[in-house]
Amino acid sequence: MRHPVSALALGSRGWLQTANFIICGSATCLGAAGVLFAGQSIWLGWVLVVFGLSLAASGIFPMDPMRGYPPGAPHGDPDTFSRHHTLHDYAGMLVFGTLPAAAAISAVVLPWGMMRIASAAVAVGLVAGFVAFGRAWESDSPRAGVIQKVMITAGWLWLAAVFVAFL
């Protein structure tokens, strides 16, 4: 409930989350290639490529142990962050910036009426979720991880629906 999904890349089973980020990012890039080849929106396709690459980069560059995770890690934030943590943060900003951008683009360019409405709603919800997660993270809220997971679930379900619609 407290920790972000990126924290799961730490510890003895961290390789599972690392693989998850890299495989999901790569699969998203493949789906984005399909969107590009469909020719309906070059912008949507390229934004999804950046999203997929950023997701993969989140796995390649793990965050630092902090806030008690993995077990045994200090409970606060480190005084300084490692280079890989900083790169992880940049990748995360792209992940959580490009997904609402893709939804907003979809709300304008997709030819399917209900999908356009859903895309607009998802874009607004993802931006609101990103702001809520940022505030929760900065205040070290015990529910920061829950907010992030709700946002991720909504975004990935929307993305799956977009890829299915392009089939």
C-alpha atoms as a PDB file:
ATOM      1  CA  MET A   1       0.000   0.000   0.000  1.00  0.00           C
ATOM      2  CA  ARG A   2       2.819   2.385   0.815  1.00  0.00           C
ATOM      3  CA  HIS A   3       5.499   1.679  -1.777  1.00  0.00           C
ATOM      4  CA  PRO A   4       5.499   2.327  -5.526  1.00  0.00           C
ATOM      5  CA  VAL A   5       5.616  -0.565  -7.973  1.00  0.00           C
ATOM      6  CA  SER A   6       9.240   0.328  -8.730  1.00  0.00           C
ATOM      7  CA  ALA A   7      10.236  -0.772  -5.232  1.00  0.00           C
ATOM      8  CA  LEU A   8       9.352  -4.333  -6.227  1.00  0.00           C
ATOM      9  CA  ALA A   9      12.530  -4.343  -8.360  1.00  0.00           C
ATOM     10  CA  LEU A  10      14.547  -4.349  -5.120  1.00  0.00           C
ATOM     11  CA  GLY A  11      15.435  -7.302  -2.961  1.00  0.00           C
ATOM     12  CA  SER A  12      15.890 -10.988  -3.696  1.00  0.00           C
ATOM     13  CA  ARG A  13      12.916 -11.260  -6.064  1.00  0.00           C
ATOM     14  CA  GLY A  14      13.465  -7.875  -7.666  1.00  0.00           C
ATOM     15  CA  TRP A  15      14.410  -9.499 -10.951  1.00  0.00           C
ATOM     16  CA  LEU A  16      10.710 -10.288 -11.478  1.00  0.00           C
ATOM     17  CA  GLN A  17       9.696  -6.629 -11.489  1.00  0.00           C
ATOM     18  CA  THR A  18      12.750  -5.708 -13.544  1.00  0.00           C
ATOM     19  CA  ALA A  19      11.716  -8.295 -16.138  1.00  0.00           C
ATOM     20  CA  ASN A  20       8.118  -7.050 -15.926  1.00  0.00           C
ATOM     21  CA  PHE A  21       9.146  -3.483 -16.754  1.00  0.00           C
ATOM     22  CA  ILE A  22      11.421  -4.529 -19.617  1.00  0.00           C
ATOM     23  CA  ILE A  23       8.998  -7.055 -21.151  1.00  0.00           C
ATOM     24  CA  CYS A  24       5.950  -4.783 -20.815  1.00  0.00           C
ATOM     25  CA  GLY A  25       7.896  -1.843 -22.227  1.00  0.00           C
ATOM     26  CA  SER A  26       9.072  -3.932 -25.170  1.00  0.00           C
ATOM     27  CA  ALA A  27       5.564  -5.282 -25.797  1.00  0.00           C
ATOM     28  CA  THR A  28       4.206  -1.735 -25.702  1.00  0.00           C
ATOM     29  CA  CYS A  29       6.771  -0.714 -28.321  1.00  0.00           C
ATOM     30  CA  LEU A  30       5.543  -3.554 -30.533  1.00  0.00           C
ATOM     31  CA  GLY A  31       1.949  -2.420 -30.059  1.00  0.00           C
ATOM     32  CA  ALA A  32       3.009   1.142 -30.811  1.00  0.00           C
ATOM     33  CA  ALA A  33       4.602  -0.080 -34.049  1.00  0.00           C
ATOM     34  CA  GLY A  34       1.208  -1.541 -34.959  1.00  0.00           C
ATOM     35  CA  VAL A  35      -0.421   1.823 -34.285  1.00  0.00           C
ATOM     36  CA  LEU A  36       2.192   3.508 -36.478  1.00  0.00           C
ATOM     37  CA  PHE A  37       1.651   1.011 -39.305  1.00  0.00           C
ATOM     38  CA  ALA A  38      -2.118   1.490 -39.081  1.00  0.00           C
ATOM     39  CA  GLY A  39      -1.453   5.076 -40.135  1.00  0.00           C
ATOM     40  CA  GLN A  40      -4.228   6.724 -38.152  1.00  0.00           C
ATOM     41  CA  SER A  41      -1.957   8.752 -35.904  1.00  0.00           C
ATOM     42  CA  ILE A  42       1.779   9.067 -36.106  1.00  0.00           C
ATOM     43  CA  TRP A  43       1.730  11.166 -32.924  1.00  0.00           C
ATOM     44  CA  LEU A  44      -0.088   8.492 -30.948  1.00  0.00           C
ATOM     45  CA  GLY A  45       2.285   5.805 -32.202  1.00  0.00           C
ATOM     46  CA  TRP A  46       5.438   7.747 -31.333  1.00  0.00           C
ATOM     47  CA  VAL A  47       4.172   8.801 -27.902  1.00  0.00           C
ATOM     48  CA  LEU A  48       3.467   5.130 -27.173  1.00  0.00           C
ATOM     49  CA  VAL A  49       6.985   4.213 -28.352  1.00  0.00           C
ATOM     50  CA  VAL A  50       8.420   6.721 -25.863  1.00  0.00           C
ATOM     51  CA  PHE A  51       6.131   5.312 -23.163  1.00  0.00           C
ATOM     52  CA  GLY A  52       7.324   1.753 -23.879  1.00  0.00           C
ATOM     53  CA  LEU A  53      10.999   2.704 -23.976  1.00  0.00           C
ATOM     54  CA  SER A  54      10.616   4.652 -20.725  1.00  0.00           C
ATOM     55  CA  LEU A  55       8.918   1.708 -19.070  1.00  0.00           C
ATOM     56  CA  ALA A  56      11.778  -0.566 -20.128  1.00  0.00           C
ATOM     57  CA  ALA A  57      14.287   2.008 -18.849  1.00  0.00           C
ATOM     58  CA  SER A  58      12.487   1.949 -15.495  1.00  0.00           C
ATOM     59  CA  GLY A  59      13.487  -1.690 -15.252  1.00  0.00           C
ATOM     60  CA  ILE A  60      17.044  -1.185 -16.437  1.00  0.00           C
ATOM     61  CA  PHE A  61      17.645   1.579 -13.869  1.00  0.00           C
ATOM     62  CA  PRO A  62      16.142   0.549 -10.495  1.00  0.00           C
ATOM     63  CA  MET A  63      15.326   2.976  -7.721  1.00  0.00           C
ATOM     64  CA  ASP A  64      17.401   3.088  -4.543  1.00  0.00           C
ATOM     65  CA  PRO A  65      16.261   1.250  -1.408  1.00  0.00           C
ATOM     66  CA  MET A  66      14.371   3.710   0.795  1.00  0.00           C
ATOM     67  CA  ARG A  67      11.410   4.192   3.085  1.00  0.00           C
ATOM     68  CA  GLY A  68      11.850   0.750   4.597  1.00  0.00           C
ATOM     69  CA  TYR A  69      11.828  -1.210   1.350  1.00  0.00           C
ATOM     70  CA  PRO A  70      13.158  -3.747   0.836  1.00  0.00           C
ATOM     71  CA  PRO A  71      13.020  -4.908   4.446  1.00  0.00           C
ATOM     72  CA  GLY A  72      16.081  -3.623   6.253  1.00  0.00           C
ATOM     73  CA  ALA A  73      16.385  -0.458   4.141  1.00  0.00           C
ATOM     74  CA  PRO A  74      16.460   2.891   5.971  1.00  0.00           C
ATOM     75  CA  HIS A  75      13.015   4.334   6.640  1.00  0.00           C
ATOM     76  CA  GLY A  76      13.720   7.756   5.177  1.00  0.00           C
ATOM     77  CA  ASP A  77      15.014   8.996   1.866  1.00  0.00           C
ATOM     78  CA  PRO A  78      18.759   8.895   1.198  1.00  0.00           C
ATOM     79  CA  ASP A  79      20.674  12.174   1.418  1.00  0.00           C
ATOM     80  CA  THR A  80      21.819  11.652  -2.166  1.00  0.00           C
ATOM     81  CA  PHE A  81      20.483   9.394  -4.880  1.00  0.00           C
ATOM     82  CA  SER A  82      22.517   7.109  -7.101  1.00  0.00           C
ATOM     83  CA  ARG A  83      22.825   7.752 -10.824  1.00  0.00           C
ATOM     84  CA  HIS A  84      20.601   4.751 -11.642  1.00  0.00           C
ATOM     85  CA  HIS A  85      17.929   6.062  -9.253  1.00  0.00           C
ATOM     86  CA  THR A  86      18.034   9.471 -10.933  1.00  0.00           C
ATOM     87  CA  LEU A  87      17.696   7.820 -14.357  1.00  0.00           C
ATOM     88  CA  HIS A  88      14.812   5.747 -12.986  1.00  0.00           C
ATOM     89  CA  ASP A  89      13.075   8.949 -11.854  1.00  0.00           C
ATOM     90  CA  TYR A  90      13.501  10.531 -15.303  1.00  0.00           C
ATOM     91  CA  ALA A  91      12.146   7.387 -16.961  1.00  0.00           C
ATOM     92  CA  GLY A  92       9.217   7.399 -14.528  1.00  0.00           C
ATOM     93  CA  MET A  93       8.406  11.000 -15.360  1.00  0.00           C
ATOM     94  CA  LEU A  94       8.240  10.013 -19.027  1.00  0.00           C
ATOM     95  CA  VAL A  95       6.103   6.950 -18.232  1.00  0.00           C
ATOM     96  CA  PHE A  96       3.593   8.978 -16.252  1.00  0.00           C
ATOM     97  CA  GLY A  97       3.718  11.911 -18.666  1.00  0.00           C
ATOM     98  CA  THR A  98       3.394  10.076 -21.966  1.00  0.00           C
ATOM     99  CA  LEU A  99       0.489   7.818 -21.011  1.00  0.00           C
ATOM    100  CA  PRO A 100      -1.950  10.693 -20.343  1.00  0.00           C
ATOM    101  CA  ALA A 101      -0.558  12.427 -23.446  1.00  0.00           C
ATOM    102  CA  ALA A 102      -1.357   9.304 -25.479  1.00  0.00           C
ATOM    103  CA  ALA A 103      -4.868   9.225 -24.036  1.00  0.00           C
ATOM    104  CA  ALA A 104      -5.360  12.909 -24.881  1.00  0.00           C
ATOM    105  CA  ILE A 105      -4.126  12.350 -28.440  1.00  0.00           C
ATOM    106  CA  SER A 106      -6.479   9.366 -28.750  1.00  0.00           C
ATOM    107  CA  ALA A 107      -9.396  11.513 -27.654  1.00  0.00           C
ATOM    108  CA  VAL A 108      -8.780  13.650 -30.738  1.00  0.00           C
ATOM    109  CA  VAL A 109      -7.604  11.225 -33.421  1.00  0.00           C
ATOM    110  CA  LEU A 110      -9.385   7.922 -32.901  1.00  0.00           C
ATOM    111  CA  PRO A 111     -12.373   7.349 -35.180  1.00  0.00           C
ATOM    112  CA  TRP A 112     -14.360   5.387 -32.580  1.00  0.00           C
ATOM    113  CA  GLY A 113     -16.817   7.580 -30.624  1.00  0.00           C
ATOM    114  CA  MET A 114     -16.910   5.817 -27.267  1.00  0.00           C
ATOM    115  CA  MET A 115     -13.164   5.212 -27.344  1.00  0.00           C
ATOM    116  CA  ARG A 116     -12.591   8.929 -27.845  1.00  0.00           C
ATOM    117  CA  ILE A 117     -14.752   9.755 -24.828  1.00  0.00           C
ATOM    118  CA  ALA A 118     -13.059   7.073 -22.719  1.00  0.00           C
ATOM    119  CA  SER A 119      -9.642   8.347 -23.815  1.00  0.00           C
ATOM    120  CA  ALA A 120     -10.485  11.886 -22.720  1.00  0.00           C
ATOM    121  CA  ALA A 121     -11.695  10.628 -19.342  1.00  0.00           C
ATOM    122  CA  VAL A 122      -8.575   8.494 -18.904  1.00  0.00           C
ATOM    123  CA  ALA A 123      -6.308  11.424 -19.816  1.00  0.00           C
ATOM    124  CA  VAL A 124      -7.920  13.616 -17.157  1.00  0.00           C
ATOM    125  CA  GLY A 125      -7.917  10.791 -14.605  1.00  0.00           C
ATOM    126  CA  LEU A 126      -4.242   9.966 -15.207  1.00  0.00           C
ATOM    127  CA  VAL A 127      -3.173  13.577 -14.769  1.00  0.00           C
ATOM    128  CA  ALA A 128      -5.209  13.828 -11.568  1.00  0.00           C
ATOM    129  CA  GLY A 129      -3.755  10.516 -10.383  1.00  0.00           C
ATOM    130  CA  PHE A 130      -0.216  11.643 -11.127  1.00  0.00           C
ATOM    131  CA  VAL A 131      -0.747  14.829  -9.106  1.00  0.00           C
ATOM    132  CA  ALA A 132      -2.329  12.860  -6.240  1.00  0.00           C
ATOM    133  CA  PHE A 133       0.502  10.328  -6.237  1.00  0.00           C
ATOM    134  CA  GLY A 134       3.123  13.105  -6.252  1.00  0.00           C
ATOM    135  CA  ARG A 135       1.518  14.767  -3.249  1.00  0.00           C
ATOM    136  CA  ALA A 136       1.165  11.454  -1.430  1.00  0.00           C
ATOM    137  CA  TRP A 137       4.790  10.525  -2.177  1.00  0.00           C
ATOM    138  CA  GLU A 138       6.127  13.890  -1.004  1.00  0.00           C
ATOM    139  CA  SER A 139       4.170  13.669   2.246  1.00  0.00           C
ATOM    140  CA  ASP A 140       5.223  10.026   2.722  1.00  0.00           C
ATOM    141  CA  SER A 141       1.575   8.956   2.825  1.00  0.00           C
ATOM    142  CA  PRO A 142       0.978   5.317   3.721  1.00  0.00           C
ATOM    143  CA  ARG A 143      -1.380   5.163   0.728  1.00  0.00           C
ATOM    144  CA  ALA A 144       0.961   6.536  -1.934  1.00  0.00           C
ATOM    145  CA  GLY A 145       1.438   3.093  -3.472  1.00  0.00           C
ATOM    146  CA  VAL A 146      -2.305   2.472  -3.658  1.00  0.00           C
ATOM    147  CA  ILE A 147      -2.848   5.738  -5.523  1.00  0.00           C
ATOM    148  CA  GLN A 148      -0.123   4.810  -7.995  1.00  0.00           C
ATOM    149  CA  LYS A 149      -1.496   1.293  -8.520  1.00  0.00           C
ATOM    150  CA  VAL A 150      -5.010   2.596  -9.227  1.00  0.00           C
ATOM    151  CA  MET A 151      -3.556   5.022 -11.766  1.00  0.00           C
ATOM    152  CA  ILE A 152      -1.440   2.298 -13.389  1.00  0.00           C
ATOM    153  CA  THR A 153      -4.372  -0.109 -13.590  1.00  0.00           C
ATOM    154  CA  ALA A 154      -6.602   2.476 -15.277  1.00  0.00           C
ATOM    155  CA  GLY A 155      -3.871   3.502 -17.708  1.00  0.00           C
ATOM    156  CA  TRP A 156      -2.845  -0.018 -18.687  1.00  0.00           C
ATOM    157  CA  LEU A 157      -6.462  -1.155 -19.143  1.00  0.00           C
ATOM    158  CA  TRP A 158      -7.052   1.825 -21.414  1.00  0.00           C
ATOM    159  CA  LEU A 159      -3.866   1.025 -23.339  1.00  0.00           C
ATOM    160  CA  ALA A 160      -4.945  -2.593 -23.778  1.00  0.00           C
ATOM    161  CA  ALA A 161      -8.321  -1.388 -25.099  1.00  0.00           C
ATOM    162  CA  VAL A 162      -6.544   0.886 -27.616  1.00  0.00           C
ATOM    163  CA  PHE A 163      -4.386  -1.974 -28.879  1.00  0.00           C
ATOM    164  CA  VAL A 164      -7.430  -4.257 -29.162  1.00  0.00           C
ATOM    165  CA  ALA A 165      -9.326  -1.531 -31.046  1.00  0.00           C
ATOM    166  CA  PHE A 166      -6.471  -1.275 -33.535  1.00  0.00           C
ATOM    167  CA  LEU A 167      -6.671  -5.001 -34.227  1.00  0.00           C
END
